[in-house]
C-alpha atoms as a PDB file:
ATOM      1  CA  MET A   1       1.708  14.921  13.494  1.00  0.00           C
ATOM      2  CA  PRO A   2       0.046  18.291  12.424  1.00  0.00           C
ATOM      3  CA  GLU A   3       1.080  20.248   9.441  1.00  0.00           C
ATOM      4  CA  PRO A   4       3.411  23.180  10.033  1.00  0.00           C
ATOM      5  CA  ALA A   5       0.925  26.200  10.430  1.00  0.00           C
ATOM      6  CA  ALA A   6       2.725  28.710   8.322  1.00  0.00           C
ATOM      7  CA  ARG A   7       5.174  28.618   5.569  1.00  0.00           C
ATOM      8  CA  LYS A   8       5.955  30.025   2.182  1.00  0.00           C
ATOM      9  CA  ARG A   9       4.879  27.483  -0.394  1.00  0.00           C
ATOM     10  CA  ASP A  10       6.223  26.790  -3.840  1.00  0.00           C
ATOM     11  CA  ALA A  11       3.641  24.589  -5.566  1.00  0.00           C
ATOM     12  CA  LEU A  12       5.058  24.288  -9.054  1.00  0.00           C
ATOM     13  CA  THR A  13       8.437  23.028  -8.193  1.00  0.00           C
ATOM     14  CA  PRO A  14       7.371  20.176  -6.007  1.00  0.00           C
ATOM     15  CA  LEU A  15       4.737  19.300  -8.606  1.00  0.00           C
ATOM     16  CA  PHE A  16       7.364  19.155 -11.316  1.00  0.00           C
ATOM     17  CA  ALA A  17       9.639  16.774  -9.435  1.00  0.00           C
ATOM     18  CA  ALA A  18       6.810  14.530  -8.454  1.00  0.00           C
ATOM     19  CA  ILE A  19       5.623  14.237 -11.925  1.00  0.00           C
ATOM     20  CA  VAL A  20       9.172  13.432 -13.154  1.00  0.00           C
ATOM     21  CA  CYS A  21       9.619  10.920 -10.419  1.00  0.00           C
ATOM     22  CA  TYR A  22       6.160   9.221 -11.036  1.00  0.00           C
ATOM     23  CA  GLY A  23       6.819   9.306 -14.804  1.00  0.00           C
ATOM     24  CA  LEU A  24      10.150   7.629 -14.599  1.00  0.00           C
ATOM     25  CA  PHE A  25       8.331   4.973 -12.303  1.00  0.00           C
ATOM     26  CA  ARG A  26       5.977   4.105 -15.098  1.00  0.00           C
ATOM     27  CA  VAL A  27       8.647   4.088 -17.724  1.00  0.00           C
ATOM     28  CA  VAL A  28      10.842   1.722 -15.756  1.00  0.00           C
ATOM     29  CA  LEU A  29       7.736  -0.471 -14.926  1.00  0.00           C
ATOM     30  CA  PHE A  30       6.753  -0.539 -18.647  1.00  0.00           C
ATOM     31  CA  PHE A  31      10.169  -2.123 -19.695  1.00  0.00           C
ATOM     32  CA  LEU A  32      10.845  -4.128 -16.631  1.00  0.00           C
ATOM     33  CA  ALA A  33       7.513  -5.924 -15.896  1.00  0.00           C
ATOM     34  CA  PRO A  34       7.242  -7.952 -19.284  1.00  0.00           C
ATOM     35  CA  PHE A  35      10.938  -8.984 -18.723  1.00  0.00           C
ATOM     36  CA  ILE A  36      10.274 -10.300 -15.128  1.00  0.00           C
ATOM     37  CA  TYR A  37       6.830 -11.680 -16.284  1.00  0.00           C
ATOM     38  CA  TYR A  38       8.642 -13.712 -18.982  1.00  0.00           C
ATOM     39  CA  PHE A  39      11.120 -15.348 -16.770  1.00  0.00           C
ATOM     40  CA  GLY A  40       9.284 -15.386 -13.349  1.00  0.00           C
ATOM     41  CA  GLY A  41       5.619 -15.910 -13.997  1.00  0.00           C
ATOM     42  CA  ASP A  42       2.483 -14.047 -13.136  1.00  0.00           C
ATOM     43  CA  MET A  43       3.074 -13.150  -9.377  1.00  0.00           C
ATOM     44  CA  MET A  44       6.600 -12.173  -9.943  1.00  0.00           C
ATOM     45  CA  GLY A  45       5.579 -10.066 -12.891  1.00  0.00           C
ATOM     46  CA  ILE A  46       3.029  -8.335 -10.781  1.00  0.00           C
ATOM     47  CA  THR A  47       5.062  -7.617  -7.706  1.00  0.00           C
ATOM     48  CA  LEU A  48       8.714  -7.592  -8.068  1.00  0.00           C
ATOM     49  CA  PRO A  49       8.745  -4.959 -10.940  1.00  0.00           C
ATOM     50  CA  LEU A  50       6.904  -2.570  -8.737  1.00  0.00           C
ATOM     51  CA  LEU A  51       9.429  -2.634  -5.884  1.00  0.00           C
ATOM     52  CA  LEU A  52      12.394  -2.437  -8.536  1.00  0.00           C
ATOM     53  CA  SER A  53      10.743   0.451 -10.538  1.00  0.00           C
ATOM     54  CA  ALA A  54       9.726   2.494  -7.449  1.00  0.00           C
ATOM     55  CA  GLY A  55      13.298   2.061  -5.881  1.00  0.00           C
ATOM     56  CA  ILE A  56      15.002   3.160  -9.051  1.00  0.00           C
ATOM     57  CA  SER A  57      12.740   6.080  -9.819  1.00  0.00           C
ATOM     58  CA  SER A  58      12.709   7.449  -6.228  1.00  0.00           C
ATOM     59  CA  ALA A  59      16.407   6.910  -5.684  1.00  0.00           C
ATOM     60  CA  LEU A  60      17.166   8.935  -8.815  1.00  0.00           C
ATOM     61  CA  ALA A  61      14.607  11.619  -7.929  1.00  0.00           C
ATOM     62  CA  MET A  62      16.106  11.950  -4.448  1.00  0.00           C
ATOM     63  CA  ALA A  63      19.549  12.196  -5.826  1.00  0.00           C
ATOM     64  CA  VAL A  64      18.735  14.567  -8.426  1.00  0.00           C
ATOM     65  CA  PHE A  65      16.502  16.856  -6.823  1.00  0.00           C
ATOM     66  CA  GLU A  66      17.574  16.750  -3.240  1.00  0.00           C
ATOM     67  CA  GLY A  67      20.963  15.169  -3.242  1.00  0.00           C
ATOM     68  CA  ARG A  68      19.856  12.535  -0.818  1.00  0.00           C
ATOM     69  CA  PRO A  69      19.708   8.760  -0.453  1.00  0.00           C
ATOM     70  CA  LEU A  70      16.526   6.645  -1.083  1.00  0.00           C
ATOM     71  CA  ALA A  71      16.281   5.826   2.567  1.00  0.00           C
ATOM     72  CA  ASP A  72      15.494   9.578   3.461  1.00  0.00           C
ATOM     73  CA  VAL A  73      11.909   8.981   2.053  1.00  0.00           C
ATOM     74  CA  GLY A  74      11.182   7.031   5.242  1.00  0.00           C
ATOM     75  CA  LEU A  75      13.062   3.755   4.873  1.00  0.00           C
ATOM     76  CA  HIS A  76      15.655   4.332   7.487  1.00  0.00           C
ATOM     77  CA  TRP A  77      15.736   1.458   9.975  1.00  0.00           C
ATOM     78  CA  ARG A  78      15.917   3.000  13.305  1.00  0.00           C
ATOM     79  CA  GLU A  79      14.554   2.394  16.841  1.00  0.00           C
ATOM     80  CA  GLY A  80      10.812   2.182  16.467  1.00  0.00           C
ATOM     81  CA  SER A  81      10.750   1.069  12.668  1.00  0.00           C
ATOM     82  CA  GLY A  82      10.214  -2.621  13.539  1.00  0.00           C
ATOM     83  CA  ARG A  83       7.364  -1.587  16.050  1.00  0.00           C
ATOM     84  CA  ASN A  84       5.687   0.556  13.419  1.00  0.00           C
ATOM     85  CA  LEU A  85       5.935  -2.195  10.807  1.00  0.00           C
ATOM     86  CA  ILE A  86       4.392  -4.765  13.190  1.00  0.00           C
ATOM     87  CA  THR A  87       1.886  -2.424  14.239  1.00  0.00           C
ATOM     88  CA  GLY A  88       0.796  -1.595  10.731  1.00  0.00           C
ATOM     89  CA  PHE A  89       0.730  -5.434   9.860  1.00  0.00           C
ATOM     90  CA  GLY A  90      -1.577  -5.933  12.910  1.00  0.00           C
ATOM     91  CA  LEU A  91      -3.918  -3.271  11.768  1.00  0.00           C
ATOM     92  CA  GLY A  92      -4.066  -4.346   8.156  1.00  0.00           C
ATOM     93  CA  ALA A  93      -4.397  -8.215   8.862  1.00  0.00           C
ATOM     94  CA  GLY A  94      -6.705  -7.628  11.817  1.00  0.00           C
ATOM     95  CA  ALA A  95      -9.021  -5.389   9.835  1.00  0.00           C
ATOM     96  CA  ILE A  96      -9.570  -7.875   6.961  1.00  0.00           C
ATOM     97  CA  ALA A  97      -9.731 -10.789   9.433  1.00  0.00           C
ATOM     98  CA  LEU A  98     -12.561  -9.023  11.244  1.00  0.00           C
ATOM     99  CA  LEU A  99     -14.373  -8.193   8.024  1.00  0.00           C
ATOM    100  CA  VAL A 100     -14.345 -11.913   6.817  1.00  0.00           C
ATOM    101  CA  ALA A 101     -15.323 -13.182  10.515  1.00  0.00           C
ATOM    102  CA  THR A 102     -18.241 -10.596  10.295  1.00  0.00           C
ATOM    103  CA  GLY A 103     -19.421 -12.009   6.938  1.00  0.00           C
ATOM    104  CA  VAL A 104     -19.100 -15.791   7.911  1.00  0.00           C
ATOM    105  CA  ALA A 105     -20.770 -15.063  11.410  1.00  0.00           C
ATOM    106  CA  ALA A 106     -23.683 -13.139   9.915  1.00  0.00           C
ATOM    107  CA  GLY A 107     -24.330 -16.123   7.192  1.00  0.00           C
ATOM    108  CA  MET A 108     -23.276 -13.895   4.329  1.00  0.00           C
ATOM    109  CA  ALA A 109     -20.219 -16.115   3.639  1.00  0.00           C
ATOM    110  CA  HIS A 110     -18.861 -19.614   4.118  1.00  0.00           C
ATOM    111  CA  TYR A 111     -15.969 -21.698   3.186  1.00  0.00           C
ATOM    112  CA  GLN A 112     -15.783 -24.597   0.755  1.00  0.00           C
ATOM    113  CA  PRO A 113     -13.126 -26.835  -0.508  1.00  0.00           C
ATOM    114  CA  VAL A 114     -11.448 -25.824  -3.944  1.00  0.00           C
ATOM    115  CA  PRO A 115     -11.767 -28.949  -6.234  1.00  0.00           C
ATOM    116  CA  ASN A 116      -8.472 -30.279  -7.543  1.00  0.00           C
ATOM    117  CA  ALA A 117      -6.659 -27.299  -5.823  1.00  0.00           C
ATOM    118  CA  ASP A 118      -2.986 -27.223  -6.938  1.00  0.00           C
ATOM    119  CA  ILE A 119      -1.373 -25.876  -3.845  1.00  0.00           C
ATOM    120  CA  SER A 120       2.382 -26.290  -3.134  1.00  0.00           C
ATOM    121  CA  LEU A 121       4.206 -25.648  -0.012  1.00  0.00           C
ATOM    122  CA  ARG A 122       6.974 -23.850  -1.771  1.00  0.00           C
ATOM    123  CA  ALA A 123       4.507 -21.476  -3.459  1.00  0.00           C
ATOM    124  CA  THR A 124       2.654 -20.838  -0.270  1.00  0.00           C
ATOM    125  CA  LEU A 125       5.966 -19.958   1.512  1.00  0.00           C
ATOM    126  CA  PHE A 126       7.180 -17.857  -1.365  1.00  0.00           C
ATOM    127  CA  MET A 127       4.040 -15.863  -1.860  1.00  0.00           C
ATOM    128  CA  PRO A 128       4.306 -13.597   1.201  1.00  0.00           C
ATOM    129  CA  ILE A 129       7.740 -12.430   0.009  1.00  0.00           C
ATOM    130  CA  LEU A 130       6.374 -11.330  -3.325  1.00  0.00           C
ATOM    131  CA  LEU A 131       3.355  -9.785  -1.695  1.00  0.00           C
ATOM    132  CA  LEU A 132       5.790  -7.852   0.594  1.00  0.00           C
ATOM    133  CA  CYS A 133       7.457  -6.679  -2.521  1.00  0.00           C
ATOM    134  CA  GLY A 134       4.485  -5.490  -4.025  1.00  0.00           C
ATOM    135  CA  ALA A 135       3.219  -3.610  -1.155  1.00  0.00           C
ATOM    136  CA  MET A 136       6.683  -1.989  -0.436  1.00  0.00           C
ATOM    137  CA  GLY A 137       6.853  -0.935  -4.287  1.00  0.00           C
ATOM    138  CA  GLU A 138       3.583   0.700  -4.051  1.00  0.00           C
ATOM    139  CA  GLU A 139       4.171   2.571  -0.910  1.00  0.00           C
ATOM    140  CA  ILE A 140       7.653   3.818  -2.121  1.00  0.00           C
ATOM    141  CA  ALA A 141       6.000   4.756  -5.461  1.00  0.00           C
ATOM    142  CA  PHE A 142       3.126   6.630  -4.178  1.00  0.00           C
ATOM    143  CA  ARG A 143       3.792   7.564  -0.582  1.00  0.00           C
ATOM    144  CA  GLY A 144       7.528   7.997  -0.897  1.00  0.00           C
ATOM    145  CA  PHE A 145       9.060  10.871  -2.846  1.00  0.00           C
ATOM    146  CA  VAL A 146       5.916  11.649  -4.939  1.00  0.00           C
ATOM    147  CA  LEU A 147       3.605  12.202  -1.958  1.00  0.00           C
ATOM    148  CA  GLN A 148       6.142  13.918   0.363  1.00  0.00           C
ATOM    149  CA  CYS A 149       7.482  16.170  -2.313  1.00  0.00           C
ATOM    150  CA  LEU A 150       3.842  17.282  -3.074  1.00  0.00           C
ATOM    151  CA  MET A 151       3.300  18.035   0.791  1.00  0.00           C
ATOM    152  CA  ARG A 152       6.232  20.441   0.470  1.00  0.00           C
ATOM    153  CA  GLY A 153       4.236  22.704  -1.658  1.00  0.00           C
ATOM    154  CA  TRP A 154       0.775  21.781  -1.041  1.00  0.00           C
ATOM    155  CA  ARG A 155      -1.266  21.425   2.013  1.00  0.00           C
ATOM    156  CA  TYR A 156      -0.901  17.902   3.329  1.00  0.00           C
ATOM    157  CA  TRP A 157      -4.535  16.707   2.869  1.00  0.00           C
ATOM    158  CA  ILE A 158      -4.598  17.900  -0.598  1.00  0.00           C
ATOM    159  CA  ALA A 159      -1.386  15.932  -1.511  1.00  0.00           C
ATOM    160  CA  ILE A 160      -2.715  13.006   0.313  1.00  0.00           C
ATOM    161  CA  VAL A 161      -6.069  12.984  -1.452  1.00  0.00           C
ATOM    162  CA  THR A 162      -4.476  13.686  -4.954  1.00  0.00           C
ATOM    163  CA  THR A 163      -2.037  10.637  -4.743  1.00  0.00           C
ATOM    164  CA  GLY A 164      -4.826   8.600  -3.108  1.00  0.00           C
ATOM    165  CA  VAL A 165      -7.297   9.234  -6.125  1.00  0.00           C
ATOM    166  CA  LEU A 166      -4.255   8.297  -8.380  1.00  0.00           C
ATOM    167  CA  PHE A 167      -3.642   5.088  -6.484  1.00  0.00           C
ATOM    168  CA  GLY A 168      -7.346   4.174  -6.748  1.00  0.00           C
ATOM    169  CA  TRP A 169      -7.675   5.190 -10.529  1.00  0.00           C
ATOM    170  CA  LEU A 170      -4.750   2.911 -11.382  1.00  0.00           C
ATOM    171  CA  HIS A 171      -6.477  -0.173  -9.916  1.00  0.00           C
ATOM    172  CA  ASN A 172      -9.324   0.396 -12.381  1.00  0.00           C
ATOM    173  CA  ASP A 173      -7.996  -2.166 -14.824  1.00  0.00           C
ATOM    174  CA  ASN A 174      -7.860  -4.954 -12.282  1.00  0.00           C
ATOM    175  CA  PRO A 175     -10.408  -7.872 -12.902  1.00  0.00           C
ATOM    176  CA  GLY A 176     -13.701  -7.111 -11.504  1.00  0.00           C
ATOM    177  CA  ALA A 177     -12.993  -3.568 -10.778  1.00  0.00           C
ATOM    178  CA  THR A 178     -16.111  -1.267 -10.063  1.00  0.00           C
ATOM    179  CA  VAL A 179     -16.762   2.194  -9.060  1.00  0.00           C
ATOM    180  CA  LEU A 180     -16.997   1.198  -5.400  1.00  0.00           C
ATOM    181  CA  SER A 181     -13.706  -0.743  -5.607  1.00  0.00           C
ATOM    182  CA  ASP A 182     -11.998   2.251  -7.014  1.00  0.00           C
ATOM    183  CA  VAL A 183     -13.253   4.569  -4.398  1.00  0.00           C
ATOM    184  CA  ASN A 184     -12.294   2.029  -1.610  1.00  0.00           C
ATOM    185  CA  THR A 185      -8.800   1.740  -3.249  1.00  0.00           C
ATOM    186  CA  ALA A 186      -8.309   5.307  -3.266  1.00  0.00           C
ATOM    187  CA  ALA A 187      -9.479   5.577   0.315  1.00  0.00           C
ATOM    188  CA  PHE A 188      -6.701   3.035   1.138  1.00  0.00           C
ATOM    189  CA  GLY A 189      -4.400   5.607  -0.545  1.00  0.00           C
ATOM    190  CA  VAL A 190      -5.539   8.332   1.595  1.00  0.00           C
ATOM    191  CA  LEU A 191      -5.324   6.005   4.770  1.00  0.00           C
ATOM    192  CA  PHE A 192      -1.583   5.181   3.778  1.00  0.00           C
ATOM    193  CA  GLY A 193      -0.855   8.628   3.395  1.00  0.00           C
ATOM    194  CA  ALA A 194      -2.304   9.712   6.767  1.00  0.00           C
ATOM    195  CA  ALA A 195      -0.312   6.872   8.292  1.00  0.00           C
ATOM    196  CA  VAL A 196       3.047   8.576   6.717  1.00  0.00           C
ATOM    197  CA  VAL A 197       2.168  11.776   8.374  1.00  0.00           C
ATOM    198  CA  ARG A 198       1.415  10.166  11.691  1.00  0.00           C
ATOM    199  CA  SER A 199       4.473   7.964  11.763  1.00  0.00           C
ATOM    200  CA  ARG A 200       6.907  10.085   9.618  1.00  0.00           C
ATOM    201  CA  ASP A 201       8.205   6.862   7.967  1.00  0.00           C
ATOM    202  CA  LEU A 202       7.081   4.343   5.365  1.00  0.00           C
ATOM    203  CA  TRP A 203       7.010   1.394   7.719  1.00  0.00           C
ATOM    204  CA  LEU A 204       3.588   1.886   9.162  1.00  0.00           C
ATOM    205  CA  PRO A 205       1.809   2.051   5.813  1.00  0.00           C
ATOM    206  CA  ILE A 206       3.973  -0.727   4.419  1.00  0.00           C
ATOM    207  CA  GLY A 207       2.842  -2.913   7.463  1.00  0.00           C
ATOM    208  CA  MET A 208      -0.634  -1.951   6.915  1.00  0.00           C
ATOM    209  CA  HIS A 209      -0.561  -2.661   3.180  1.00  0.00           C
ATOM    210  CA  PHE A 210       1.295  -6.024   3.564  1.00  0.00           C
ATOM    211  CA  GLY A 211      -0.955  -7.104   6.346  1.00  0.00           C
ATOM    212  CA  TRP A 212      -4.059  -6.635   4.476  1.00  0.00           C
ATOM    213  CA  ASN A 213      -2.788  -8.148   1.224  1.00  0.00           C
ATOM    214  CA  ILE A 214      -1.187 -11.220   2.813  1.00  0.00           C
ATOM    215  CA  ALA A 215      -4.356 -12.018   4.802  1.00  0.00           C
ATOM    216  CA  LEU A 216      -6.687 -11.996   1.980  1.00  0.00           C
ATOM    217  CA  PRO A 217      -5.305 -15.115   0.154  1.00  0.00           C
ATOM    218  CA  PHE A 218      -4.915 -17.067   3.352  1.00  0.00           C
ATOM    219  CA  LEU A 219      -8.508 -16.225   4.122  1.00  0.00           C
ATOM    220  CA  GLY A 220      -9.508 -17.535   0.819  1.00  0.00           C
ATOM    221  CA  ALA A 221     -10.503 -14.220  -0.953  1.00  0.00           C
ATOM    222  CA  ALA A 222      -9.210 -12.435  -3.955  1.00  0.00           C
ATOM    223  CA  VAL A 223      -6.544  -9.706  -3.494  1.00  0.00           C
ATOM    224  CA  SER A 224      -7.928  -6.548  -5.809  1.00  0.00           C
ATOM    225  CA  GLY A 225      -9.418  -8.918  -8.383  1.00  0.00           C
ATOM    226  CA  LEU A 226      -6.492 -11.423  -8.279  1.00  0.00           C
ATOM    227  CA  THR A 227      -7.058 -14.868  -7.111  1.00  0.00           C
ATOM    228  CA  ILE A 228      -3.981 -16.327  -5.274  1.00  0.00           C
ATOM    229  CA  ARG A 229      -4.257 -19.853  -4.126  1.00  0.00           C
ATOM    230  CA  VAL A 230      -2.374 -20.618  -1.000  1.00  0.00           C
ATOM    231  CA  THR A 231      -4.899 -22.801   0.816  1.00  0.00           C
ATOM    232  CA  GLY A 232      -7.372 -25.500  -0.417  1.00  0.00           C
ATOM    233  CA  TYR A 233     -10.291 -23.468   0.694  1.00  0.00           C
ATOM    234  CA  GLU A 234     -12.067 -20.482  -0.753  1.00  0.00           C
ATOM    235  CA  LEU A 235     -14.387 -17.942   0.812  1.00  0.00           C
ATOM    236  CA  VAL A 236     -17.851 -18.037  -0.931  1.00  0.00           C
ATOM    237  CA  TRP A 237     -20.377 -15.219  -0.498  1.00  0.00           C
ATOM    238  CA  THR A 238     -24.094 -15.809  -0.566  1.00  0.00           C
ATOM    239  CA  THR A 239     -24.784 -12.041  -0.850  1.00  0.00           C
ATOM    240  CA  GLY A 240     -24.797  -9.622  -3.726  1.00  0.00           C
ATOM    241  CA  ASP A 241     -21.719  -7.796  -5.022  1.00  0.00           C
ATOM    242  CA  LEU A 242     -22.292  -4.867  -2.870  1.00  0.00           C
ATOM    243  CA  TRP A 243     -21.616  -6.854   0.253  1.00  0.00           C
ATOM    244  CA  SER A 244     -19.125  -9.388  -1.175  1.00  0.00           C
ATOM    245  CA  GLY A 245     -17.119  -7.160  -3.735  1.00  0.00           C
ATOM    246  CA  GLY A 246     -17.814  -9.606  -6.567  1.00  0.00           C
ATOM    247  CA  GLN A 247     -14.860 -10.771  -8.594  1.00  0.00           C
ATOM    248  CA  TYR A 248     -12.758  -7.818  -7.134  1.00  0.00           C
ATOM    249  CA  GLY A 249     -13.026  -9.443  -3.654  1.00  0.00           C
ATOM    250  CA  PRO A 250     -13.816  -7.983  -0.270  1.00  0.00           C
ATOM    251  CA  GLU A 251     -12.064  -4.604  -1.270  1.00  0.00           C
ATOM    252  CA  GLY A 252     -14.912  -3.861  -3.507  1.00  0.00           C
ATOM    253  CA  SER A 253     -17.529  -4.168  -0.727  1.00  0.00           C
ATOM    254  CA  VAL A 254     -19.467  -1.812   1.598  1.00  0.00           C
ATOM    255  CA  LEU A 255     -17.845  -3.918   4.407  1.00  0.00           C
ATOM    256  CA  THR A 256     -14.408  -2.660   3.512  1.00  0.00           C
ATOM    257  CA  SER A 257     -15.847   0.885   3.350  1.00  0.00           C
ATOM    258  CA  ALA A 258     -16.855   0.613   6.925  1.00  0.00           C
ATOM    259  CA  MET A 259     -13.598  -1.125   7.875  1.00  0.00           C
ATOM    260  CA  LEU A 260     -11.836   1.741   6.346  1.00  0.00           C
ATOM    261  CA  ALA A 261     -13.452   4.113   8.639  1.00  0.00           C
ATOM    262  CA  LEU A 262     -12.246   2.088  11.598  1.00  0.00           C
ATOM    263  CA  LEU A 263      -8.724   2.061  10.202  1.00  0.00           C
ATOM    264  CA  PHE A 264      -8.565   5.728   9.957  1.00  0.00           C
ATOM    265  CA  ILE A 265      -9.483   5.988  13.504  1.00  0.00           C
ATOM    266  CA  ALA A 266      -6.939   3.519  14.555  1.00  0.00           C
ATOM    267  CA  VAL A 267      -4.105   4.993  12.584  1.00  0.00           C
ATOM    268  CA  TRP A 268      -4.482   8.202  14.748  1.00  0.00           C
ATOM    269  CA  LYS A 269      -4.977   6.284  17.977  1.00  0.00           C
ATOM    270  CA  VAL A 270      -2.525   3.373  18.046  1.00  0.00           C
ATOM    271  CA  PRO A 271       0.939   4.281  19.537  1.00  0.00           C
ATOM    272  CA  VAL A 272       3.623   4.774  17.035  1.00  0.00           C
ATOM    273  CA  ARG A 273       7.261   5.609  17.196  1.00  0.00           C
ATOM    274  CA  ARG A 274       7.841   8.925  15.210  1.00  0.00           C
ATOM    275  CA  GLY A 275      10.455   8.684  12.375  1.00  0.00           C
ATOM    276  CA  TRP A 276      12.045  11.238  10.381  1.00  0.00           C
ATOM    277  CA  LEU A 277      11.357  12.355   6.696  1.00  0.00           C
ATOM    278  CA  TYR A 278      14.015  14.602   5.015  1.00  0.00           C
ATOM    279  CA  LEU A 279      11.394  16.101   2.562  1.00  0.00           C
ATOM    280  CA  LEU A 280       9.045  17.091   5.428  1.00  0.00           C
ATOM    281  CA  ASP A 281      11.148  17.526   8.342  1.00  0.00           C
ATOM    282  CA  GLY A 282      14.385  18.954   6.919  1.00  0.00           C
ATOM    283  CA  ALA A 283      17.955  17.989   7.667  1.00  0.00           C
ATOM    284  CA  GLY A 284      17.714  18.407  11.423  1.00  0.00           C
ATOM    285  CA  ASP A 285      17.891  14.576  12.188  1.00  0.00           C
ATOM    286  CA  ALA A 286      19.720  13.668   8.907  1.00  0.00           C
ATOM    287  CA  ASP A 287      22.616  12.140  10.717  1.00  0.00           C
ATOM    288  CA  LEU A 288      20.889  10.240  13.419  1.00  0.00           C
ATOM    289  CA  PRO A 289      22.452   6.754  13.883  1.00  0.00           C
ATOM    290  CA  ALA A 290      20.450   3.659  12.668  1.00  0.00           C
ATOM    291  CA  ALA A 291      19.079   1.338  15.395  1.00  0.00           C
END
């Protein structure tokens, strides 16, 4: 969906609102994460606070600055929302599956059993829920009010690249992070921002984000430097870090860089159902009934 050609822009007000929203997100996350980590353990402490903090900060920002509900950032469930979510999931999961299959077929990687792997069925079934919470939390935090508000006052591509760079930079503290992993993660942020513009909802980028993240552990690979055991096998690379991503996992490799190029093309080519975003499209469809 192209950007409106001509309009009077107020760059400072949207920037102020976006900074307030993001700052509130960080504050809530700072206090909430240790509490959930203490009672719920590592994975709950990493994922659930993201969703709660993003939801709280974005809901408050929408209420204070726009007088609108949180769902208006692209979370309305209407006709086509499920299709966009499934399409995104297929793109994300399919892309990482293709990457791993390429590595194995080329002899750059192979599978081996994990000695004394402590895998429980309960944890394996519960993990997708937590990863979905994490993906939704990051998409609401970065591609919700913050990105859409910036796009009101800035050119779309400037807002998307800016929030994408922030998204990549904040993953710099993950185990095994490198310059290439930061660049790839920032590119993912730009990709998800482009998906918002294309679908006019958050369901397409949420699906892509979740599909990529959930496929990684089931394929025996690390997720942004985090090892999540859901099977008794692990993917072992026999090439250097440039191709494998090292400790960070495939997301820190040139293979992911190439896959990102394909995903950018796919986002603009796959059929999606256009949603509605109050911050970008105005109030014209504000009262459309949910599907």
